[in-house]
Amino acid sequence: LALEQDFEPGTRFHGVAEEGIPFRAIAEVIGRRLNLPVKSLTKEEASAHFTWFTHFAGMDSQSSSKQTRERLKWQPREIGLLDDVDQPYYFN
């Protein structure tokens, strides 16, 4: 939709359907699918466990497509992140 219209060069659009999904909610789906327990960790425990991934796991990277929806008259149609991650094909 963005390419079909004449927007200023550099205009950005963000096609995300959901906002603020906690990392824990994602971990809970993965843990349930793998039959593994999910528990909270301190910063130190997380750093030791996740090593290089700790930086990404600890980010609060909320995103919004509010402006994209308004400017393009767009609405997401597919399933959300948690429902998608809960699909069997990720765990075969």
PDB file of N, CA and C in Angstrom:
ATOM      1  N   LEU A   1       0.816  -1.196   0.000  1.00  0.00           N
ATOM      2  CA  LEU A   1       0.000   0.000   0.000  1.00  0.00           C
ATOM      3  C   LEU A   1       0.861   1.261   0.000  1.00  0.00           C
ATOM      4  N   ALA A   2       1.955   1.216   0.762  1.00  0.00           N
ATOM      5  CA  ALA A   2       2.827   2.388   0.840  1.00  0.00           C
ATOM      6  C   ALA A   2       3.470   2.686  -0.517  1.00  0.00           C
ATOM      7  N   LEU A   3       3.821   1.658  -1.255  1.00  0.00           N
ATOM      8  CA  LEU A   3       4.452   1.857  -2.560  1.00  0.00           C
ATOM      9  C   LEU A   3       3.476   2.369  -3.610  1.00  0.00           C
ATOM     10  N   GLU A   4       2.203   2.112  -3.403  1.00  0.00           N
ATOM     11  CA  GLU A   4       1.191   2.530  -4.368  1.00  0.00           C
ATOM     12  C   GLU A   4       0.818   4.003  -4.239  1.00  0.00           C
ATOM     13  N   GLN A   5       1.285   4.650  -3.179  1.00  0.00           N
ATOM     14  CA  GLN A   5       0.938   6.052  -2.955  1.00  0.00           C
ATOM     15  C   GLN A   5       2.196   6.915  -3.019  1.00  0.00           C
ATOM     16  N   ASP A   6       2.011   8.203  -3.145  1.00  0.00           N
ATOM     17  CA  ASP A   6       3.118   9.131  -3.321  1.00  0.00           C
ATOM     18  C   ASP A   6       3.507   9.761  -1.980  1.00  0.00           C
ATOM     19  N   PHE A   7       4.312   9.050  -1.199  1.00  0.00           N
ATOM     20  CA  PHE A   7       4.765   9.566   0.091  1.00  0.00           C
ATOM     21  C   PHE A   7       6.161  10.168  -0.058  1.00  0.00           C
ATOM     22  N   GLU A   8       6.500  11.073   0.848  1.00  0.00           N
ATOM     23  CA  GLU A   8       7.833  11.667   0.877  1.00  0.00           C
ATOM     24  C   GLU A   8       8.896  10.566   0.946  1.00  0.00           C
ATOM     25  N   PRO A   9      10.003  10.724   0.244  1.00  0.00           N
ATOM     26  CA  PRO A   9      11.095   9.757   0.404  1.00  0.00           C
ATOM     27  C   PRO A   9      11.514   9.690   1.877  1.00  0.00           C
ATOM     28  N   GLY A  10      11.761   8.494   2.348  1.00  0.00           N
ATOM     29  CA  GLY A  10      12.157   8.314   3.740  1.00  0.00           C
ATOM     30  C   GLY A  10      10.993   8.095   4.696  1.00  0.00           C
ATOM     31  N   THR A  11       9.747   8.211   4.189  1.00  0.00           N
ATOM     32  CA  THR A  11       8.589   7.953   5.039  1.00  0.00           C
ATOM     33  C   THR A  11       8.639   6.502   5.492  1.00  0.00           C
ATOM     34  N   ARG A  12       8.386   6.306   6.782  1.00  0.00           N
ATOM     35  CA  ARG A  12       8.462   4.949   7.334  1.00  0.00           C
ATOM     36  C   ARG A  12       7.095   4.461   7.762  1.00  0.00           C
ATOM     37  N   PHE A  13       6.889   3.165   7.541  1.00  0.00           N
ATOM     38  CA  PHE A  13       5.661   2.514   7.962  1.00  0.00           C
ATOM     39  C   PHE A  13       6.044   1.273   8.755  1.00  0.00           C
ATOM     40  N   HIS A  14       5.229   0.968   9.731  1.00  0.00           N
ATOM     41  CA  HIS A  14       5.521  -0.177  10.580  1.00  0.00           C
ATOM     42  C   HIS A  14       4.308  -1.099  10.588  1.00  0.00           C
ATOM     43  N   GLY A  15       4.445  -2.275  10.003  1.00  0.00           N
ATOM     44  CA  GLY A  15       3.330  -3.203   9.881  1.00  0.00           C
ATOM     45  C   GLY A  15       3.324  -4.237  10.991  1.00  0.00           C
ATOM     46  N   VAL A  16       3.000  -3.809  12.178  1.00  0.00           N
ATOM     47  CA  VAL A  16       2.916  -4.722  13.313  1.00  0.00           C
ATOM     48  C   VAL A  16       1.462  -4.751  13.781  1.00  0.00           C
ATOM     49  N   ALA A  17       0.977  -5.938  14.121  1.00  0.00           N
ATOM     50  CA  ALA A  17      -0.434  -6.069  14.505  1.00  0.00           C
ATOM     51  C   ALA A  17      -0.657  -5.845  15.994  1.00  0.00           C
ATOM     52  N   GLU A  18       0.356  -6.066  16.801  1.00  0.00           N
ATOM     53  CA  GLU A  18       0.176  -6.001  18.248  1.00  0.00           C
ATOM     54  C   GLU A  18       1.211  -5.076  18.871  1.00  0.00           C
ATOM     55  N   GLU A  19       0.917  -4.637  20.070  1.00  0.00           N
ATOM     56  CA  GLU A  19       1.833  -3.748  20.773  1.00  0.00           C
ATOM     57  C   GLU A  19       2.151  -4.314  22.151  1.00  0.00           C
ATOM     58  N   GLY A  20       3.403  -4.270  22.531  1.00  0.00           N
ATOM     59  CA  GLY A  20       3.797  -4.572  23.897  1.00  0.00           C
ATOM     60  C   GLY A  20       3.602  -5.999  24.351  1.00  0.00           C
ATOM     61  N   ILE A  21       3.972  -6.971  23.543  1.00  0.00           N
ATOM     62  CA  ILE A  21       3.883  -8.361  23.989  1.00  0.00           C
ATOM     63  C   ILE A  21       5.077  -8.634  24.893  1.00  0.00           C
ATOM     64  N   PRO A  22       4.831  -8.989  26.145  1.00  0.00           N
ATOM     65  CA  PRO A  22       5.943  -9.238  27.060  1.00  0.00           C
ATOM     66  C   PRO A  22       6.775 -10.443  26.623  1.00  0.00           C
ATOM     67  N   PHE A  23       8.083 -10.337  26.807  1.00  0.00           N
ATOM     68  CA  PHE A  23       8.985 -11.433  26.475  1.00  0.00           C
ATOM     69  C   PHE A  23       8.565 -12.696  27.224  1.00  0.00           C
ATOM     70  N   ARG A  24       8.103 -12.524  28.462  1.00  0.00           N
ATOM     71  CA  ARG A  24       7.666 -13.677  29.256  1.00  0.00           C
ATOM     72  C   ARG A  24       6.528 -14.432  28.565  1.00  0.00           C
ATOM     73  N   ALA A  25       5.584 -13.726  27.955  1.00  0.00           N
ATOM     74  CA  ALA A  25       4.467 -14.383  27.273  1.00  0.00           C
ATOM     75  C   ALA A  25       4.964 -15.245  26.113  1.00  0.00           C
ATOM     76  N   ILE A  26       5.959 -14.753  25.401  1.00  0.00           N
ATOM     77  CA  ILE A  26       6.555 -15.524  24.304  1.00  0.00           C
ATOM     78  C   ILE A  26       7.261 -16.753  24.880  1.00  0.00           C
ATOM     79  N   ALA A  27       8.016 -16.553  25.953  1.00  0.00           N
ATOM     80  CA  ALA A  27       8.738 -17.661  26.593  1.00  0.00           C
ATOM     81  C   ALA A  27       7.768 -18.721  27.118  1.00  0.00           C
ATOM     82  N   GLU A  28       6.621 -18.281  27.636  1.00  0.00           N
ATOM     83  CA  GLU A  28       5.642 -19.236  28.165  1.00  0.00           C
ATOM     84  C   GLU A  28       5.078 -20.131  27.069  1.00  0.00           C
ATOM     85  N   VAL A  29       4.813 -19.571  25.897  1.00  0.00           N
ATOM     86  CA  VAL A  29       4.329 -20.387  24.777  1.00  0.00           C
ATOM     87  C   VAL A  29       5.403 -21.392  24.373  1.00  0.00           C
ATOM     88  N   ILE A  30       6.632 -20.926  24.239  1.00  0.00           N
ATOM     89  CA  ILE A  30       7.725 -21.811  23.836  1.00  0.00           C
ATOM     90  C   ILE A  30       7.946 -22.893  24.892  1.00  0.00           C
ATOM     91  N   GLY A  31       7.948 -22.506  26.162  1.00  0.00           N
ATOM     92  CA  GLY A  31       8.133 -23.474  27.240  1.00  0.00           C
ATOM     93  C   GLY A  31       7.035 -24.523  27.254  1.00  0.00           C
ATOM     94  N   ARG A  32       5.804 -24.103  27.070  1.00  0.00           N
ATOM     95  CA  ARG A  32       4.688 -25.055  27.048  1.00  0.00           C
ATOM     96  C   ARG A  32       4.828 -26.016  25.879  1.00  0.00           C
ATOM     97  N   ARG A  33       5.183 -25.497  24.714  1.00  0.00           N
ATOM     98  CA  ARG A  33       5.336 -26.351  23.528  1.00  0.00           C
ATOM     99  C   ARG A  33       6.488 -27.341  23.666  1.00  0.00           C
ATOM    100  N   LEU A  34       7.554 -26.929  24.358  1.00  0.00           N
ATOM    101  CA  LEU A  34       8.711 -27.803  24.545  1.00  0.00           C
ATOM    102  C   LEU A  34       8.650 -28.586  25.849  1.00  0.00           C
ATOM    103  N   ASN A  35       7.544 -28.391  26.588  1.00  0.00           N
ATOM    104  CA  ASN A  35       7.375 -29.055  27.875  1.00  0.00           C
ATOM    105  C   ASN A  35       8.528 -28.732  28.828  1.00  0.00           C
ATOM    106  N   LEU A  36       8.867 -27.444  28.884  1.00  0.00           N
ATOM    107  CA  LEU A  36       9.939 -26.963  29.749  1.00  0.00           C
ATOM    108  C   LEU A  36       9.382 -25.904  30.698  1.00  0.00           C
ATOM    109  N   PRO A  37       9.888 -25.852  31.911  1.00  0.00           N
ATOM    110  CA  PRO A  37       9.412 -24.824  32.840  1.00  0.00           C
ATOM    111  C   PRO A  37       9.926 -23.439  32.432  1.00  0.00           C
ATOM    112  N   VAL A  38       9.140 -22.434  32.752  1.00  0.00           N
ATOM    113  CA  VAL A  38       9.531 -21.050  32.505  1.00  0.00           C
ATOM    114  C   VAL A  38       9.566 -20.362  33.852  1.00  0.00           C
ATOM    115  N   LYS A  39      10.671 -19.651  34.127  1.00  0.00           N
ATOM    116  CA  LYS A  39      10.771 -18.955  35.410  1.00  0.00           C
ATOM    117  C   LYS A  39      11.431 -17.604  35.210  1.00  0.00           C
ATOM    118  N   SER A  40      11.160 -16.712  36.141  1.00  0.00           N
ATOM    119  CA  SER A  40      11.789 -15.394  36.113  1.00  0.00           C
ATOM    120  C   SER A  40      13.240 -15.527  36.553  1.00  0.00           C
ATOM    121  N   LEU A  41      14.099 -14.707  35.961  1.00  0.00           N
ATOM    122  CA  LEU A  41      15.515 -14.697  36.307  1.00  0.00           C
ATOM    123  C   LEU A  41      15.929 -13.295  36.722  1.00  0.00           C
ATOM    124  N   THR A  42      16.899 -13.213  37.599  1.00  0.00           N
ATOM    125  CA  THR A  42      17.498 -11.925  37.909  1.00  0.00           C
ATOM    126  C   THR A  42      18.338 -11.502  36.704  1.00  0.00           C
ATOM    127  N   LYS A  43      18.766 -10.245  36.682  1.00  0.00           N
ATOM    128  CA  LYS A  43      19.626  -9.790  35.581  1.00  0.00           C
ATOM    129  C   LYS A  43      20.886 -10.645  35.478  1.00  0.00           C
ATOM    130  N   GLU A  44      21.454 -10.964  36.616  1.00  0.00           N
ATOM    131  CA  GLU A  44      22.690 -11.746  36.629  1.00  0.00           C
ATOM    132  C   GLU A  44      22.435 -13.169  36.116  1.00  0.00           C
ATOM    133  N   GLU A  45      21.345 -13.775  36.566  1.00  0.00           N
ATOM    134  CA  GLU A  45      21.011 -15.127  36.107  1.00  0.00           C
ATOM    135  C   GLU A  45      20.717 -15.139  34.606  1.00  0.00           C
ATOM    136  N   ALA A  46      19.984 -14.128  34.145  1.00  0.00           N
ATOM    137  CA  ALA A  46      19.663 -14.039  32.719  1.00  0.00           C
ATOM    138  C   ALA A  46      20.931 -13.871  31.892  1.00  0.00           C
ATOM    139  N   SER A  47      21.836 -13.040  32.375  1.00  0.00           N
ATOM    140  CA  SER A  47      23.092 -12.816  31.660  1.00  0.00           C
ATOM    141  C   SER A  47      23.903 -14.104  31.552  1.00  0.00           C
ATOM    142  N   ALA A  48      23.951 -14.865  32.624  1.00  0.00           N
ATOM    143  CA  ALA A  48      24.694 -16.127  32.614  1.00  0.00           C
ATOM    144  C   ALA A  48      24.013 -17.155  31.705  1.00  0.00           C
ATOM    145  N   HIS A  49      22.689 -17.165  31.707  1.00  0.00           N
ATOM    146  CA  HIS A  49      21.940 -18.154  30.924  1.00  0.00           C
ATOM    147  C   HIS A  49      21.913 -17.820  29.437  1.00  0.00           C
ATOM    148  N   PHE A  50      21.571 -16.586  29.110  1.00  0.00           N
ATOM    149  CA  PHE A  50      21.380 -16.205  27.710  1.00  0.00           C
ATOM    150  C   PHE A  50      22.648 -15.710  27.019  1.00  0.00           C
ATOM    151  N   THR A  51      23.688 -15.427  27.775  1.00  0.00           N
ATOM    152  CA  THR A  51      24.964 -14.895  27.271  1.00  0.00           C
ATOM    153  C   THR A  51      24.722 -13.754  26.283  1.00  0.00           C
ATOM    154  N   TRP A  52      25.079 -13.910  25.001  1.00  0.00           N
ATOM    155  CA  TRP A  52      25.007 -12.835  24.015  1.00  0.00           C
ATOM    156  C   TRP A  52      23.577 -12.368  23.745  1.00  0.00           C
ATOM    157  N   PHE A  53      22.580 -13.223  24.013  1.00  0.00           N
ATOM    158  CA  PHE A  53      21.188 -12.875  23.729  1.00  0.00           C
ATOM    159  C   PHE A  53      20.570 -12.024  24.842  1.00  0.00           C
ATOM    160  N   THR A  54      21.258 -11.895  25.972  1.00  0.00           N
ATOM    161  CA  THR A  54      20.731 -11.146  27.116  1.00  0.00           C
ATOM    162  C   THR A  54      20.322  -9.734  26.720  1.00  0.00           C
ATOM    163  N   HIS A  55      21.141  -9.085  25.934  1.00  0.00           N
ATOM    164  CA  HIS A  55      20.850  -7.710  25.501  1.00  0.00           C
ATOM    165  C   HIS A  55      19.483  -7.630  24.817  1.00  0.00           C
ATOM    166  N   PHE A  56      19.207  -8.560  23.925  1.00  0.00           N
ATOM    167  CA  PHE A  56      17.951  -8.549  23.176  1.00  0.00           C
ATOM    168  C   PHE A  56      16.769  -8.976  24.049  1.00  0.00           C
ATOM    169  N   ALA A  57      16.984  -9.959  24.898  1.00  0.00           N
ATOM    170  CA  ALA A  57      15.918 -10.443  25.778  1.00  0.00           C
ATOM    171  C   ALA A  57      15.493  -9.364  26.766  1.00  0.00           C
ATOM    172  N   GLY A  58      16.396  -8.477  27.134  1.00  0.00           N
ATOM    173  CA  GLY A  58      16.088  -7.442  28.105  1.00  0.00           C
ATOM    174  C   GLY A  58      15.586  -6.137  27.521  1.00  0.00           C
ATOM    175  N   MET A  59      15.493  -6.068  26.215  1.00  0.00           N
ATOM    176  CA  MET A  59      15.051  -4.820  25.579  1.00  0.00           C
ATOM    177  C   MET A  59      13.548  -4.627  25.744  1.00  0.00           C
ATOM    178  N   ASP A  60      13.159  -3.390  25.913  1.00  0.00           N
ATOM    179  CA  ASP A  60      11.747  -3.039  25.953  1.00  0.00           C
ATOM    180  C   ASP A  60      11.445  -2.340  24.635  1.00  0.00           C
ATOM    181  N   SER A  61      11.248  -3.137  23.596  1.00  0.00           N
ATOM    182  CA  SER A  61      11.115  -2.601  22.239  1.00  0.00           C
ATOM    183  C   SER A  61       9.667  -2.623  21.780  1.00  0.00           C
ATOM    184  N   GLN A  62       8.854  -1.860  22.447  1.00  0.00           N
ATOM    185  CA  GLN A  62       7.463  -1.809  22.018  1.00  0.00           C
ATOM    186  C   GLN A  62       7.367  -1.103  20.680  1.00  0.00           C
ATOM    187  N   SER A  63       6.406  -1.524  19.908  1.00  0.00           N
ATOM    188  CA  SER A  63       6.210  -0.914  18.601  1.00  0.00           C
ATOM    189  C   SER A  63       4.721  -0.709  18.359  1.00  0.00           C
ATOM    190  N   SER A  64       4.436   0.154  17.421  1.00  0.00           N
ATOM    191  CA  SER A  64       3.048   0.480  17.125  1.00  0.00           C
ATOM    192  C   SER A  64       2.888   0.707  15.620  1.00  0.00           C
ATOM    193  N   SER A  65       1.757   0.315  15.121  1.00  0.00           N
ATOM    194  CA  SER A  65       1.449   0.583  13.713  1.00  0.00           C
ATOM    195  C   SER A  65       0.308   1.583  13.592  1.00  0.00           C
ATOM    196  N   LYS A  66       0.051   2.338  14.648  1.00  0.00           N
ATOM    197  CA  LYS A  66      -1.068   3.285  14.661  1.00  0.00           C
ATOM    198  C   LYS A  66      -0.998   4.239  13.459  1.00  0.00           C
ATOM    199  N   GLN A  67       0.155   4.849  13.248  1.00  0.00           N
ATOM    200  CA  GLN A  67       0.281   5.790  12.130  1.00  0.00           C
ATOM    201  C   GLN A  67       0.153   5.079  10.786  1.00  0.00           C
ATOM    202  N   THR A  68       0.724   3.896  10.677  1.00  0.00           N
ATOM    203  CA  THR A  68       0.615   3.124   9.436  1.00  0.00           C
ATOM    204  C   THR A  68      -0.843   2.803   9.147  1.00  0.00           C
ATOM    205  N   ARG A  69      -1.564   2.380  10.157  1.00  0.00           N
ATOM    206  CA  ARG A  69      -2.984   2.045   9.986  1.00  0.00           C
ATOM    207  C   ARG A  69      -3.779   3.272   9.544  1.00  0.00           C
ATOM    208  N   GLU A  70      -3.498   4.397  10.171  1.00  0.00           N
ATOM    209  CA  GLU A  70      -4.227   5.621   9.836  1.00  0.00           C
ATOM    210  C   GLU A  70      -3.884   6.123   8.439  1.00  0.00           C
ATOM    211  N   ARG A  71      -2.606   6.190   8.126  1.00  0.00           N
ATOM    212  CA  ARG A  71      -2.192   6.777   6.844  1.00  0.00           C
ATOM    213  C   ARG A  71      -2.516   5.894   5.651  1.00  0.00           C
ATOM    214  N   LEU A  72      -2.460   4.572   5.849  1.00  0.00           N
ATOM    215  CA  LEU A  72      -2.704   3.657   4.736  1.00  0.00           C
ATOM    216  C   LEU A  72      -4.096   3.033   4.770  1.00  0.00           C
ATOM    217  N   LYS A  73      -4.871   3.360   5.807  1.00  0.00           N
ATOM    218  CA  LYS A  73      -6.192   2.725   5.974  1.00  0.00           C
ATOM    219  C   LYS A  73      -6.019   1.212   5.951  1.00  0.00           C
ATOM    220  N   TRP A  74      -5.055   0.738   6.721  1.00  0.00           N
ATOM    221  CA  TRP A  74      -4.668  -0.672   6.749  1.00  0.00           C
ATOM    222  C   TRP A  74      -5.028  -1.296   8.085  1.00  0.00           C
ATOM    223  N   GLN A  75      -5.457  -2.547   8.044  1.00  0.00           N
ATOM    224  CA  GLN A  75      -5.707  -3.319   9.255  1.00  0.00           C
ATOM    225  C   GLN A  75      -5.070  -4.697   9.086  1.00  0.00           C
ATOM    226  N   PRO A  76      -4.330  -5.162  10.103  1.00  0.00           N
ATOM    227  CA  PRO A  76      -3.750  -6.506  10.020  1.00  0.00           C
ATOM    228  C   PRO A  76      -4.860  -7.561   9.945  1.00  0.00           C
ATOM    229  N   ARG A  77      -4.590  -8.628   9.210  1.00  0.00           N
ATOM    230  CA  ARG A  77      -5.584  -9.689   9.050  1.00  0.00           C
ATOM    231  C   ARG A  77      -5.116 -11.035   9.569  1.00  0.00           C
ATOM    232  N   GLU A  78      -3.836 -11.211   9.712  1.00  0.00           N
ATOM    233  CA  GLU A  78      -3.308 -12.514  10.095  1.00  0.00           C
ATOM    234  C   GLU A  78      -3.343 -12.702  11.611  1.00  0.00           C
ATOM    235  N   ILE A  79      -3.008 -13.906  12.053  1.00  0.00           N
ATOM    236  CA  ILE A  79      -3.000 -14.192  13.486  1.00  0.00           C
ATOM    237  C   ILE A  79      -1.879 -13.420  14.172  1.00  0.00           C
ATOM    238  N   GLY A  80      -2.004 -13.231  15.480  1.00  0.00           N
ATOM    239  CA  GLY A  80      -1.009 -12.494  16.242  1.00  0.00           C
ATOM    240  C   GLY A  80       0.237 -13.311  16.519  1.00  0.00           C
ATOM    241  N   LEU A  81       1.229 -12.655  17.088  1.00  0.00           N
ATOM    242  CA  LEU A  81       2.519 -13.286  17.350  1.00  0.00           C
ATOM    243  C   LEU A  81       2.397 -14.525  18.233  1.00  0.00           C
ATOM    244  N   LEU A  82       1.695 -14.414  19.360  1.00  0.00           N
ATOM    245  CA  LEU A  82       1.607 -15.551  20.273  1.00  0.00           C
ATOM    246  C   LEU A  82       0.880 -16.729  19.633  1.00  0.00           C
ATOM    247  N   ASP A  83      -0.179 -16.471  18.896  1.00  0.00           N
ATOM    248  CA  ASP A  83      -0.877 -17.556  18.197  1.00  0.00           C
ATOM    249  C   ASP A  83       0.012 -18.159  17.112  1.00  0.00           C
ATOM    250  N   ASP A  84       0.805 -17.323  16.457  1.00  0.00           N
ATOM    251  CA  ASP A  84       1.707 -17.826  15.426  1.00  0.00           C
ATOM    252  C   ASP A  84       2.796 -18.700  16.033  1.00  0.00           C
ATOM    253  N   VAL A  85       3.435 -18.221  17.090  1.00  0.00           N
ATOM    254  CA  VAL A  85       4.510 -18.982  17.744  1.00  0.00           C
ATOM    255  C   VAL A  85       3.975 -20.289  18.309  1.00  0.00           C
ATOM    256  N   ASP A  86       2.704 -20.350  18.593  1.00  0.00           N
ATOM    257  CA  ASP A  86       2.088 -21.549  19.165  1.00  0.00           C
ATOM    258  C   ASP A  86       1.757 -22.615  18.125  1.00  0.00           C
ATOM    259  N   GLN A  87       2.127 -22.406  16.889  1.00  0.00           N
ATOM    260  CA  GLN A  87       1.833 -23.374  15.834  1.00  0.00           C
ATOM    261  C   GLN A  87       2.795 -24.564  15.894  1.00  0.00           C
ATOM    262  N   PRO A  88       2.289 -25.768  15.620  1.00  0.00           N
ATOM    263  CA  PRO A  88       3.102 -26.977  15.731  1.00  0.00           C
ATOM    264  C   PRO A  88       4.348 -26.991  14.838  1.00  0.00           C
ATOM    265  N   TYR A  89       4.277 -26.342  13.655  1.00  0.00           N
ATOM    266  CA  TYR A  89       5.403 -26.434  12.733  1.00  0.00           C
ATOM    267  C   TYR A  89       6.680 -25.799  13.279  1.00  0.00           C
ATOM    268  N   TYR A  90       6.582 -24.943  14.291  1.00  0.00           N
ATOM    269  CA  TYR A  90       7.796 -24.395  14.902  1.00  0.00           C
ATOM    270  C   TYR A  90       8.491 -25.421  15.788  1.00  0.00           C
ATOM    271  N   PHE A  91       7.786 -26.476  16.149  1.00  0.00           N
ATOM    272  CA  PHE A  91       8.310 -27.411  17.136  1.00  0.00           C
ATOM    273  C   PHE A  91       8.450 -28.829  16.637  1.00  0.00           C
ATOM    274  N   ASN A  92       8.313 -29.042  15.344  1.00  0.00           N
ATOM    275  CA  ASN A  92       8.490 -30.384  14.757  1.00  0.00           C
ATOM    276  C   ASN A  92       9.938 -30.798  14.786  1.00  0.00           C
TER     277      ASN A  92
END
